[in-house]
């Protein structure tokens, strides 16, 4: 407790010192918060990453020994530039100071000399703190050690940091704190910043690919009266103006299908959906989902699209179709495996559901393999339980698991030759479900019967069951063409492509438990 009090007192003293410096600046008419802009001409990368290499002689300090080094010479060498960023380190400060500032693209060194800056400005410069945001103007040059730098002519304090940053090696080690204070995490950890830059590139690459395939990006409601399209428990709210209860959407499906009915043959949406579920390494109550629908194709067409899109995104963002997650290599360049759910269970559990004809036989097999099921579960539900228990974890390489039982697929077309199963697949990598796709059910009579079965499940206590959406039913009765549809978990895709261990690592501001609870 004594050490904690001492640490708190030291922090309070540091905070006061920074505020005193701000007060001094304000009294001198140099309030940084009154500065409205700074004309930056170059980023750190534009200066640092465009260079040639040349050999030069370096005389070691305190010796006559001459060493030949290969120096990086910026293509902007000798040119005057203006840069801006946050001070991340300081050293020297006799008559010469060295400062590293960081912007979104990395860091660059400022070389600040008293003779160039002038005594008064140099003294003000020495009072700057790590964390302050500055703008600097100067000439690009390469130091004797070969580091591309800027010989500063003027420096301007653009924002005073009133809170000290964590120490580089002893700071942001609390994972929970990193998620809560992502702004500090981004400042201190270059890898974290790179992850979110790559996330943005992944989503941009998806959009680019789909747009070239003739898809139209659309937006559909988040507040809905009927949250259908997935098996999930919704969040509920009340709309005061209409005195009506609404839900936050759990899926994008039913509105996008209305657009297919309306004549938009290829549509997609990337947006947040909300599911009132738990938190773990792969689940957050709000997450990013992409759904797309294409008229006149089926689930085989969705497999081809998925395979091609994943390859395109990996190649464009990472420069390779072989990715590594948690030390495991996954090859997106090879044709993805395709296997039925029945065959997957047969392969990994040695149970053949083609030989199981009744619910009683399915229950007996579940009892034998210690699979827990509920009274409401039918044969198809038990098949799915077997798949989840025995097969999922083995699906490391890209795999399409096809032909799900009808009981767990209320919006999917039945297989014409085997109506106990539907034209559906789930896409797996690393043992995770990455996407879910159907040959969409467009028979309004069949769809109404499926909704009726879902409402019976709801009455039996299944809070994730769907209810009948009458407006959607009207749309189906107008007529929807044969259609293939798919939903992609964007966050999980980002996890795999950035080698991130948890969904919170690819969400800038994940849902967190309140600190006081």
Protein backbone atom coordinates (compact mmCIF):
# COMPACT_ATOMS: atom_id res chain seq x y z
CA UNK A 1 0.00 0.00 0.00
CA UNK A 2 2.90 2.34 0.79
CA UNK A 3 4.44 1.72 -2.66
CA UNK A 4 1.06 2.34 -4.31
CA UNK A 5 0.67 5.66 -2.48
CA UNK A 6 4.20 6.65 -3.45
CA UNK A 7 3.52 5.83 -7.11
CA UNK A 8 0.28 7.83 -7.03
CA UNK A 9 2.09 10.80 -5.48
CA UNK A 10 4.80 10.66 -8.17
CA UNK A 11 2.15 10.56 -10.88
CA UNK A 12 0.34 13.52 -9.38
CA UNK A 13 3.60 15.47 -9.33
CA UNK A 14 4.22 14.66 -13.01
CA UNK A 15 0.71 15.74 -13.93
CA UNK A 16 1.20 19.02 -12.11
CA UNK A 17 4.52 19.68 -13.85
CA UNK A 18 2.84 19.32 -17.24
CA UNK A 19 0.01 21.61 -16.27
CA UNK A 20 2.50 24.18 -15.00
CA UNK A 21 4.28 24.05 -18.36
CA UNK A 22 0.96 24.64 -20.13
CA UNK A 23 0.18 27.58 -17.85
CA UNK A 24 3.58 29.09 -18.63
CA UNK A 25 2.98 28.74 -22.35
CA UNK A 26 -0.45 30.32 -22.04
CA UNK A 27 0.94 33.25 -20.05
CA UNK A 28 3.49 33.82 -22.85
CA UNK A 29 0.73 33.84 -25.46
CA UNK A 30 1.84 30.45 -26.81
CA UNK A 31 -1.23 28.33 -25.99
CA UNK A 32 -0.86 25.26 -28.24
CA UNK A 33 -4.60 24.58 -28.11
CA UNK A 34 -5.28 27.80 -29.98
CA UNK A 35 -3.36 26.57 -33.02
CA UNK A 36 -5.90 25.38 -35.60
CA UNK A 37 -3.74 23.81 -38.33
CA UNK A 38 -0.27 22.82 -39.46
CA UNK A 39 0.64 22.37 -43.12
CA UNK A 40 2.35 18.99 -43.18
CA UNK A 41 4.07 18.30 -46.51
CA UNK A 42 5.30 14.74 -45.91
CA UNK A 43 4.68 11.74 -43.67
CA UNK A 44 7.49 9.83 -42.01
CA UNK A 45 7.23 7.01 -44.56
CA UNK A 46 7.39 9.36 -47.54
CA UNK A 47 10.73 10.60 -46.24
CA UNK A 48 12.10 7.43 -44.67
CA UNK A 49 11.03 4.70 -47.10
CA UNK A 50 12.09 6.37 -50.35
CA UNK A 51 15.85 6.14 -50.34
CA UNK A 52 18.95 5.00 -52.13
CA UNK A 53 21.96 3.37 -50.51
CA UNK A 54 25.50 4.68 -50.68
CA UNK A 55 28.70 3.90 -48.86
CA UNK A 56 30.23 6.55 -46.61
CA UNK A 57 33.07 6.77 -44.11
CA UNK A 58 32.27 6.94 -40.41
CA UNK A 59 34.95 7.88 -37.84
CA UNK A 60 34.21 6.24 -34.50
CA UNK A 61 34.03 8.57 -31.49
CA UNK A 62 37.23 8.75 -29.48
CA UNK A 63 39.26 6.96 -32.13
CA UNK A 64 40.88 7.49 -35.48
CA UNK A 65 39.36 4.26 -36.76
CA UNK A 66 37.40 4.76 -39.98
CA UNK A 67 34.51 2.45 -40.75
CA UNK A 68 32.79 2.14 -44.11
CA UNK A 69 29.00 1.99 -43.68
CA UNK A 70 26.17 1.69 -46.17
CA UNK A 71 23.87 4.62 -45.46
CA UNK A 72 20.26 5.07 -46.47
CA UNK A 73 19.98 8.38 -48.29
CA UNK A 74 16.47 9.78 -48.67
CA UNK A 75 15.41 10.76 -52.16
CA UNK A 76 14.35 14.01 -50.48
CA UNK A 77 17.88 14.58 -49.17
CA UNK A 78 18.59 18.32 -49.03
CA UNK A 79 14.93 19.29 -49.47
CA UNK A 80 12.94 21.24 -46.89
CA UNK A 81 9.89 19.42 -45.51
CA UNK A 82 7.27 19.92 -42.83
CA UNK A 83 6.34 16.96 -40.63
CA UNK A 84 4.09 16.50 -37.62
CA UNK A 85 3.67 13.83 -34.98
CA UNK A 86 3.86 12.80 -31.35
CA UNK A 87 7.17 12.88 -29.46
CA UNK A 88 8.06 9.30 -28.54
CA UNK A 89 11.65 9.73 -27.32
CA UNK A 90 14.20 12.47 -26.46
CA UNK A 91 17.94 12.40 -25.93
CA UNK A 92 20.85 14.79 -25.85
CA UNK A 93 19.58 18.30 -25.06
CA UNK A 94 22.96 19.93 -24.40
CA UNK A 95 23.46 22.05 -27.49
CA UNK A 96 22.04 19.31 -29.68
CA UNK A 97 18.90 17.26 -29.18
CA UNK A 98 17.46 14.20 -30.93
CA UNK A 99 13.74 13.51 -30.91
CA UNK A 100 11.71 10.77 -32.56
CA UNK A 101 8.18 11.71 -33.56
CA UNK A 102 5.51 9.22 -34.64
CA UNK A 103 2.73 9.61 -37.18
CA UNK A 104 0.39 6.98 -38.67
CA UNK A 105 3.14 5.58 -40.90
CA UNK A 106 5.94 5.23 -38.36
CA UNK A 107 8.67 7.37 -36.81
CA UNK A 108 11.30 9.82 -38.00
CA UNK A 109 14.15 11.53 -36.17
CA UNK A 110 14.36 15.28 -35.62
CA UNK A 111 17.85 16.74 -35.23
CA UNK A 112 17.55 19.95 -33.20
CA UNK A 113 20.57 22.21 -32.82
CA UNK A 114 20.75 25.28 -30.60
CA UNK A 115 22.76 27.24 -33.18
CA UNK A 116 20.07 26.71 -35.82
CA UNK A 117 16.95 27.08 -33.68
CA UNK A 118 18.16 29.99 -31.56
CA UNK A 119 18.68 30.02 -27.82
CA UNK A 120 15.14 31.01 -26.75
CA UNK A 121 13.40 28.54 -29.02
CA UNK A 122 15.87 25.82 -28.12
CA UNK A 123 15.19 26.33 -24.40
CA UNK A 124 11.46 26.06 -25.08
CA UNK A 125 12.11 22.95 -27.13
CA UNK A 126 13.96 21.32 -24.22
CA UNK A 127 10.84 21.71 -22.07
CA UNK A 128 8.74 19.58 -24.40
CA UNK A 129 7.55 16.27 -22.97
CA UNK A 130 7.23 12.79 -24.44
CA UNK A 131 3.66 12.62 -25.69
CA UNK A 132 3.51 16.21 -26.92
CA UNK A 133 2.44 16.70 -30.53
CA UNK A 134 4.71 18.95 -32.59
CA UNK A 135 5.15 20.23 -36.11
CA UNK A 136 8.65 20.73 -37.48
CA UNK A 137 10.15 22.32 -40.56
CA UNK A 138 13.64 21.48 -41.75
CA UNK A 139 15.99 19.93 -44.24
CA UNK A 140 16.18 16.18 -44.82
CA UNK A 141 19.64 14.70 -44.30
CA UNK A 142 21.32 11.47 -43.24
CA UNK A 143 23.26 11.32 -39.97
CA UNK A 144 26.73 9.82 -39.65
CA UNK A 145 25.13 6.67 -38.28
CA UNK A 146 23.02 6.38 -41.43
CA UNK A 147 19.63 7.44 -40.02
CA UNK A 148 17.44 9.59 -42.23
CA UNK A 149 16.56 12.68 -40.17
CA UNK A 150 15.33 16.26 -40.36
CA UNK A 151 17.60 19.16 -39.42
CA UNK A 152 15.01 21.32 -37.70
CA UNK A 153 14.74 25.03 -38.50
CA UNK A 154 11.46 25.67 -36.62
CA UNK A 155 9.41 23.59 -34.25
CA UNK A 156 5.82 24.29 -33.17
CA UNK A 157 4.01 22.77 -30.20
CA UNK A 158 0.60 21.75 -31.56
CA UNK A 159 -0.86 19.97 -28.53
CA UNK A 160 0.37 19.62 -24.95
CA UNK A 161 0.08 16.13 -23.49
CA UNK A 162 -1.13 16.47 -19.90
CA UNK A 163 -0.87 12.73 -19.18
CA UNK A 164 2.44 10.83 -19.33
CA UNK A 165 2.59 7.89 -21.72
CA UNK A 166 3.36 4.44 -20.31
CA UNK A 167 7.01 3.50 -20.23
CA UNK A 168 8.04 1.71 -23.42
CA UNK A 169 8.92 -1.59 -21.78
CA UNK A 170 6.92 -1.44 -18.56
CA UNK A 171 3.80 0.33 -19.76
CA UNK A 172 0.81 -1.17 -21.58
CA UNK A 173 1.15 -4.72 -20.25
CA UNK A 174 -2.39 -4.91 -18.84
CA UNK A 175 -4.42 -6.45 -21.70
CA UNK A 176 -7.71 -5.25 -20.23
CA UNK A 177 -6.38 -1.69 -20.03
CA UNK A 178 -5.18 -1.88 -23.64
CA UNK A 179 -8.73 -2.62 -24.81
CA UNK A 180 -10.26 0.09 -22.63
CA UNK A 181 -7.73 2.74 -23.63
CA UNK A 182 -7.16 1.79 -27.26
CA UNK A 183 -5.85 5.27 -28.03
CA UNK A 184 -2.81 4.62 -25.83
CA UNK A 185 -2.45 1.10 -27.20
CA UNK A 186 -2.25 2.52 -30.73
CA UNK A 187 0.37 5.07 -29.68
CA UNK A 188 2.60 2.59 -27.87
CA UNK A 189 2.28 -0.54 -30.01
CA UNK A 190 3.13 -0.35 -33.72
CA UNK A 191 1.88 -3.91 -34.29
CA UNK A 192 -1.56 -2.98 -32.99
CA UNK A 193 -1.72 0.00 -35.33
CA UNK A 194 -0.68 -2.26 -38.23
CA UNK A 195 -3.46 -4.74 -37.38
CA UNK A 196 -6.14 -2.09 -37.70
CA UNK A 197 -4.63 -0.63 -40.85
CA UNK A 198 -4.75 -4.14 -42.33
CA UNK A 199 -8.34 -4.56 -41.14
CA UNK A 200 -9.26 -1.47 -43.12
CA UNK A 201 -7.40 -2.83 -46.15
CA UNK A 202 -9.18 -6.19 -45.85
CA UNK A 203 -12.61 -4.57 -45.92
CA UNK A 204 -11.59 -2.26 -48.78
CA UNK A 205 -10.31 -5.28 -50.73
CA UNK A 206 -13.59 -7.16 -50.18
CA UNK A 207 -15.53 -4.16 -51.47
CA UNK A 208 -13.23 -3.81 -54.46
CA UNK A 209 -13.60 -7.48 -55.38
CA UNK A 210 -17.39 -7.54 -55.09
CA UNK A 211 -17.80 -4.27 -56.97
CA UNK A 212 -15.82 -5.71 -59.89
CA UNK A 213 -18.16 -8.74 -59.82
CA UNK A 214 -21.19 -6.51 -60.37
CA UNK A 215 -22.45 -6.38 -56.78
CA UNK A 216 -24.23 -3.31 -55.45
CA UNK A 217 -23.47 -2.19 -51.89
CA UNK A 218 -26.60 -1.22 -49.94
CA UNK A 219 -27.67 -0.29 -46.40
CA UNK A 220 -30.60 -1.81 -44.53
CA UNK A 221 -32.24 -1.00 -41.14
CA UNK A 222 -30.54 -1.73 -37.82
CA UNK A 223 -33.70 -1.10 -35.78
CA UNK A 224 -36.27 -3.73 -36.77
CA UNK A 225 -39.59 -4.99 -35.48
CA UNK A 226 -38.67 -8.59 -36.35
CA UNK A 227 -35.04 -9.65 -35.84
CA UNK A 228 -34.85 -12.66 -38.13
CA UNK A 229 -32.37 -14.33 -40.43
CA UNK A 230 -30.24 -16.10 -37.81
CA UNK A 231 -30.48 -18.22 -34.67
CA UNK A 232 -29.59 -15.64 -32.03
CA UNK A 233 -31.10 -13.74 -29.12
CA UNK A 234 -31.66 -10.05 -29.97
CA UNK A 235 -31.25 -6.87 -27.96
CA UNK A 236 -34.55 -5.10 -27.40
CA UNK A 237 -35.37 -1.41 -27.06
CA UNK A 238 -38.37 0.91 -27.10
CA UNK A 239 -39.02 3.61 -29.68
CA UNK A 240 -40.76 6.43 -27.79
CA UNK A 241 -42.04 8.34 -30.84
CA UNK A 242 -44.10 5.36 -32.03
CA UNK A 243 -44.55 3.77 -28.60
CA UNK A 244 -43.35 0.52 -30.14
CA UNK A 245 -40.82 -2.10 -29.12
CA UNK A 246 -37.97 -2.64 -31.56
CA UNK A 247 -34.98 -4.95 -31.77
CA UNK A 248 -31.42 -4.48 -32.98
CA UNK A 249 -30.84 -6.62 -36.05
CA UNK A 250 -29.14 -9.99 -35.63
CA UNK A 251 -28.72 -10.49 -39.37
CA UNK A 252 -28.84 -8.65 -42.70
CA UNK A 253 -30.67 -11.41 -44.56
CA UNK A 254 -34.36 -10.64 -44.79
CA UNK A 255 -34.01 -7.07 -46.05
CA UNK A 256 -31.36 -8.00 -48.62
CA UNK A 257 -33.66 -10.72 -49.97
CA UNK A 258 -36.40 -8.11 -50.34
CA UNK A 259 -34.00 -6.28 -52.66
CA UNK A 260 -33.48 -9.44 -54.72
CA UNK A 261 -37.28 -9.58 -55.08
CA UNK A 262 -37.17 -5.93 -56.13
CA UNK A 263 -34.85 -6.71 -59.02
CA UNK A 264 -31.36 -6.00 -57.64
CA UNK A 265 -29.65 -9.18 -58.84
CA UNK A 266 -26.45 -8.83 -56.79
CA UNK A 267 -26.39 -6.99 -53.47
CA UNK A 268 -24.19 -6.93 -50.40
CA UNK A 269 -23.94 -5.09 -47.10
CA UNK A 270 -21.11 -4.78 -44.60
CA UNK A 271 -22.43 -3.63 -41.24
CA UNK A 272 -22.78 -4.13 -37.53
CA UNK A 273 -25.20 -6.71 -36.15
CA UNK A 274 -26.06 -7.29 -32.51
CA UNK A 275 -26.56 -10.55 -30.63
CA UNK A 276 -27.37 -10.75 -26.95
CA UNK A 277 -24.81 -13.42 -26.20
CA UNK A 278 -21.69 -13.94 -24.14
CA UNK A 279 -18.15 -12.61 -24.52
CA UNK A 280 -15.21 -14.80 -25.41
CA UNK A 281 -12.19 -14.84 -27.72
CA UNK A 282 -14.39 -15.19 -30.83
CA UNK A 283 -17.61 -13.45 -29.78
CA UNK A 284 -18.57 -9.83 -29.13
CA UNK A 285 -22.22 -8.73 -28.80
CA UNK A 286 -21.79 -6.28 -31.68
CA UNK A 287 -19.71 -7.41 -34.61
CA UNK A 288 -19.25 -6.83 -38.32
CA UNK A 289 -21.11 -9.10 -40.69
CA UNK A 290 -21.15 -9.11 -44.47
CA UNK A 291 -24.01 -10.73 -46.33
CA UNK A 292 -24.41 -10.93 -50.07
CA UNK A 293 -27.10 -12.35 -52.34
CA UNK A 294 -26.87 -13.26 -56.02
CA UNK A 295 -29.86 -14.13 -58.17
CA UNK A 296 -29.79 -17.11 -60.52
CA UNK A 297 -27.10 -19.05 -58.71
CA UNK A 298 -26.98 -21.56 -55.84
CA UNK A 299 -24.73 -22.58 -52.97
CA UNK A 300 -22.13 -23.96 -55.37
CA UNK A 301 -21.86 -20.48 -56.87
CA UNK A 302 -21.36 -19.12 -53.34
CA UNK A 303 -18.53 -21.60 -52.77
CA UNK A 304 -16.76 -20.43 -55.91
CA UNK A 305 -17.21 -16.77 -54.89
CA UNK A 306 -15.91 -17.43 -51.37
CA UNK A 307 -12.83 -19.26 -52.61
CA UNK A 308 -11.97 -16.57 -55.15
CA UNK A 309 -12.64 -13.68 -52.75
CA UNK A 310 -10.49 -15.11 -49.94
CA UNK A 311 -7.61 -15.63 -52.35
CA UNK A 312 -7.99 -12.12 -53.75
CA UNK A 313 -8.03 -10.46 -50.33
CA UNK A 314 -5.07 -12.42 -48.95
CA UNK A 315 -2.96 -11.75 -52.05
CA UNK A 316 -3.84 -8.05 -52.17
CA UNK A 317 -3.43 -7.30 -48.44
CA UNK A 318 -0.70 -9.77 -47.43
CA UNK A 319 1.00 -10.44 -50.75
CA UNK A 320 0.53 -14.22 -50.39
CA UNK A 321 -2.20 -16.86 -50.37
CA UNK A 322 -0.45 -18.83 -47.61
CA UNK A 323 -1.29 -17.42 -44.20
CA UNK A 324 -0.03 -18.35 -40.74
CA UNK A 325 -2.22 -18.24 -37.66
CA UNK A 326 -0.82 -19.15 -34.26
CA UNK A 327 2.04 -20.94 -36.01
CA UNK A 328 -0.26 -22.99 -38.29
CA UNK A 329 -0.01 -22.50 -42.05
CA UNK A 330 -3.22 -22.42 -44.09
CA UNK A 331 -3.10 -22.54 -47.86
CA UNK A 332 -5.71 -20.46 -49.67
CA UNK A 333 -4.05 -21.15 -53.02
CA UNK A 334 -5.17 -24.78 -53.23
CA UNK A 335 -8.77 -25.78 -54.06
CA UNK A 336 -10.81 -25.74 -50.84
CA UNK A 337 -11.98 -29.12 -49.55
CA UNK A 338 -15.70 -29.86 -49.92
CA UNK A 339 -17.35 -32.42 -47.62
CA UNK A 340 -20.92 -33.10 -46.50
CA UNK A 341 -21.82 -32.84 -42.82
CA UNK A 342 -22.78 -36.52 -42.82
CA UNK A 343 -19.40 -37.51 -44.28
CA UNK A 344 -17.54 -35.23 -41.83
CA UNK A 345 -19.24 -36.93 -38.88
CA UNK A 346 -18.53 -40.32 -40.42
CA UNK A 347 -14.86 -39.36 -40.90
CA UNK A 348 -14.19 -37.89 -37.46
CA UNK A 349 -16.73 -39.65 -35.19
CA UNK A 350 -17.04 -42.94 -37.11
CA UNK A 351 -20.84 -42.59 -37.02
CA UNK A 352 -22.77 -42.87 -40.29
CA UNK A 353 -26.05 -40.95 -40.14
CA UNK A 354 -27.02 -42.48 -43.50
CA UNK A 355 -27.55 -45.65 -41.48
CA UNK A 356 -29.57 -43.90 -38.76
CA UNK A 357 -33.24 -43.79 -39.76
CA UNK A 358 -35.16 -42.73 -36.66
CA UNK A 359 -34.94 -40.21 -33.85
CA UNK A 360 -34.67 -43.07 -31.36
CA UNK A 361 -31.60 -44.44 -33.16
CA UNK A 362 -30.04 -40.98 -33.22
CA UNK A 363 -30.61 -40.52 -29.49
CA UNK A 364 -29.16 -43.95 -28.76
CA UNK A 365 -26.02 -43.08 -30.73
CA UNK A 366 -25.78 -39.74 -28.88
CA UNK A 367 -26.07 -41.50 -25.53
CA UNK A 368 -23.36 -43.93 -26.58
CA UNK A 369 -21.00 -41.04 -27.44
CA UNK A 370 -21.95 -38.90 -24.43
CA UNK A 371 -23.57 -36.21 -26.58
CA UNK A 372 -26.05 -34.14 -24.58
CA UNK A 373 -29.29 -33.23 -26.36
CA UNK A 374 -32.64 -31.71 -25.48
CA UNK A 375 -36.12 -33.22 -25.74
CA UNK A 376 -36.99 -30.89 -28.63
CA UNK A 377 -33.98 -31.98 -30.69
CA UNK A 378 -34.70 -34.04 -33.79
CA UNK A 379 -32.42 -36.33 -35.78
CA UNK A 380 -30.93 -33.43 -37.73
CA UNK A 381 -30.18 -31.48 -34.56
CA UNK A 382 -28.32 -34.49 -33.15
CA UNK A 383 -26.30 -34.83 -36.36
CA UNK A 384 -25.25 -31.20 -35.93
CA UNK A 385 -24.30 -31.84 -32.28
CA UNK A 386 -22.06 -34.71 -33.43
CA UNK A 387 -20.48 -32.45 -36.02
CA UNK A 388 -19.75 -29.71 -33.48
CA UNK A 389 -18.32 -32.18 -30.97
CA UNK A 390 -16.17 -34.35 -33.23
CA UNK A 391 -15.52 -32.65 -36.57
CA UNK A 392 -15.16 -28.86 -36.25
CA UNK A 393 -11.79 -28.82 -34.51
CA UNK A 394 -10.20 -30.83 -37.35
CA UNK A 395 -11.19 -28.37 -40.11
CA UNK A 396 -7.97 -26.36 -40.15
CA UNK A 397 -7.40 -25.94 -43.88
CA UNK A 398 -10.10 -24.12 -45.87
CA UNK A 399 -13.12 -26.46 -45.98
CA UNK A 400 -16.73 -26.21 -47.13
CA UNK A 401 -19.05 -28.39 -45.01
CA UNK A 402 -22.17 -28.96 -47.10
CA UNK A 403 -25.72 -30.30 -46.93
CA UNK A 404 -27.00 -29.55 -43.45
CA UNK A 405 -30.12 -31.15 -41.94
CA UNK A 406 -33.35 -29.28 -42.62
CA UNK A 407 -34.11 -28.91 -38.90
CA UNK A 408 -31.31 -26.37 -38.38
CA UNK A 409 -31.77 -24.47 -41.65
CA UNK A 410 -35.15 -22.68 -41.70
CA UNK A 411 -34.34 -20.35 -44.64
CA UNK A 412 -32.68 -22.84 -46.98
CA UNK A 413 -33.79 -24.80 -50.05
CA UNK A 414 -34.15 -28.55 -49.60
CA UNK A 415 -32.04 -30.88 -51.69
CA UNK A 416 -34.35 -32.17 -54.46
CA UNK A 417 -33.07 -35.74 -54.13
CA UNK A 418 -32.99 -35.80 -50.31
CA UNK A 419 -35.47 -33.42 -48.60
CA UNK A 420 -34.13 -34.25 -45.12
CA UNK A 421 -31.15 -32.08 -46.03
CA UNK A 422 -30.71 -28.61 -47.51
CA UNK A 423 -28.39 -26.86 -49.97
CA UNK A 424 -26.29 -25.12 -47.36
CA UNK A 425 -22.63 -24.93 -46.48
CA UNK A 426 -20.51 -23.52 -43.69
CA UNK A 427 -16.97 -22.44 -44.50
CA UNK A 428 -14.34 -23.45 -41.94
CA UNK A 429 -10.72 -22.48 -41.30
CA UNK A 430 -8.65 -23.09 -38.18
CA UNK A 431 -11.60 -25.03 -36.75
CA UNK A 432 -13.76 -21.89 -36.89
CA UNK A 433 -16.92 -21.21 -38.84
CA UNK A 434 -16.00 -18.35 -41.17
CA UNK A 435 -19.11 -18.14 -43.37
CA UNK A 436 -22.59 -19.61 -43.76
CA UNK A 437 -24.31 -19.93 -47.14
CA UNK A 438 -27.50 -21.25 -48.72
CA UNK A 439 -29.37 -21.89 -51.87
CA UNK A 440 -32.03 -19.53 -50.59
CA UNK A 441 -35.54 -20.77 -49.95
CA UNK A 442 -37.86 -18.94 -52.35
CA UNK A 443 -40.97 -21.07 -51.93
CA UNK A 444 -43.35 -18.92 -49.78
CA UNK A 445 -45.51 -21.90 -48.79
CA UNK A 446 -42.52 -23.90 -47.58
CA UNK A 447 -41.10 -20.79 -45.89
CA UNK A 448 -44.31 -20.23 -43.92
CA UNK A 449 -44.20 -23.82 -42.70
CA UNK A 450 -40.57 -23.34 -41.59
CA UNK A 451 -41.48 -20.15 -39.72
CA UNK A 452 -44.36 -22.01 -38.05
CA UNK A 453 -41.92 -24.70 -36.87
CA UNK A 454 -39.61 -21.97 -35.55
CA UNK A 455 -42.46 -20.39 -33.58
CA UNK A 456 -43.23 -23.75 -32.01
CA UNK A 457 -39.60 -23.95 -30.89
CA UNK A 458 -39.91 -20.43 -29.48
CA UNK A 459 -42.94 -21.52 -27.50
CA UNK A 460 -40.91 -24.42 -26.14
CA UNK A 461 -38.30 -22.03 -24.76
CA UNK A 462 -35.82 -21.63 -27.63
CA UNK A 463 -34.99 -17.90 -27.35
CA UNK A 464 -32.97 -18.03 -30.59
CA UNK A 465 -35.84 -19.25 -32.77
CA UNK A 466 -37.26 -17.02 -35.52
CA UNK A 467 -40.79 -15.62 -35.76
CA UNK A 468 -42.83 -15.12 -38.91
CA UNK A 469 -42.00 -11.90 -40.77
CA UNK A 470 -45.22 -11.16 -42.65
CA UNK A 471 -43.76 -8.43 -44.84
CA UNK A 472 -40.95 -10.77 -45.87
CA UNK A 473 -43.55 -13.43 -46.62
CA UNK A 474 -45.39 -10.95 -48.85
CA UNK A 475 -42.13 -10.26 -50.70
CA UNK A 476 -41.61 -13.99 -51.31
CA UNK A 477 -45.15 -14.28 -52.61
CA UNK A 478 -44.38 -11.51 -55.12
CA UNK A 479 -41.65 -13.87 -56.33
CA UNK A 480 -37.93 -14.27 -55.67
CA UNK A 481 -35.68 -15.87 -58.32
CA UNK A 482 -33.37 -18.79 -57.46
CA UNK A 483 -30.73 -17.14 -55.31
CA UNK A 484 -27.48 -17.95 -53.58
CA UNK A 485 -26.67 -16.11 -50.35
CA UNK A 486 -23.85 -16.04 -47.82
CA UNK A 487 -22.87 -14.37 -44.57
CA UNK A 488 -19.21 -13.72 -43.71
CA UNK A 489 -17.84 -13.01 -40.24
CA UNK A 490 -15.56 -10.08 -41.04
CA UNK A 491 -13.97 -9.98 -37.57
CA UNK A 492 -12.90 -13.63 -37.68
CA UNK A 493 -11.53 -13.12 -41.17
CA UNK A 494 -9.50 -10.20 -39.84
CA UNK A 495 -8.29 -12.32 -36.93
CA UNK A 496 -6.95 -14.99 -39.29
CA UNK A 497 -5.37 -12.59 -41.76
CA UNK A 498 -3.67 -10.53 -39.03
CA UNK A 499 -2.72 -13.46 -36.76
CA UNK A 500 -4.69 -11.95 -33.86
CA UNK A 501 -5.52 -14.27 -30.94
CA UNK A 502 -8.88 -12.74 -29.92
CA UNK A 503 -11.75 -10.87 -31.53
CA UNK A 504 -11.01 -7.93 -29.21
CA UNK A 505 -7.66 -7.57 -30.96
CA UNK A 506 -9.41 -6.66 -34.24
CA UNK A 507 -12.17 -4.48 -32.73
CA UNK A 508 -10.99 -0.95 -32.01
CA UNK A 509 -13.39 -0.57 -29.11
CA UNK A 510 -14.66 -4.00 -27.94
CA UNK A 511 -17.45 -4.40 -25.43
CA UNK A 512 -16.00 -4.40 -21.91
CA UNK A 513 -17.42 -5.13 -18.50
CA UNK A 514 -17.81 -1.88 -16.52
CA UNK A 515 -14.82 -1.23 -14.25
CA UNK A 516 -16.96 -0.83 -11.12
CA UNK A 517 -18.51 -4.30 -11.46
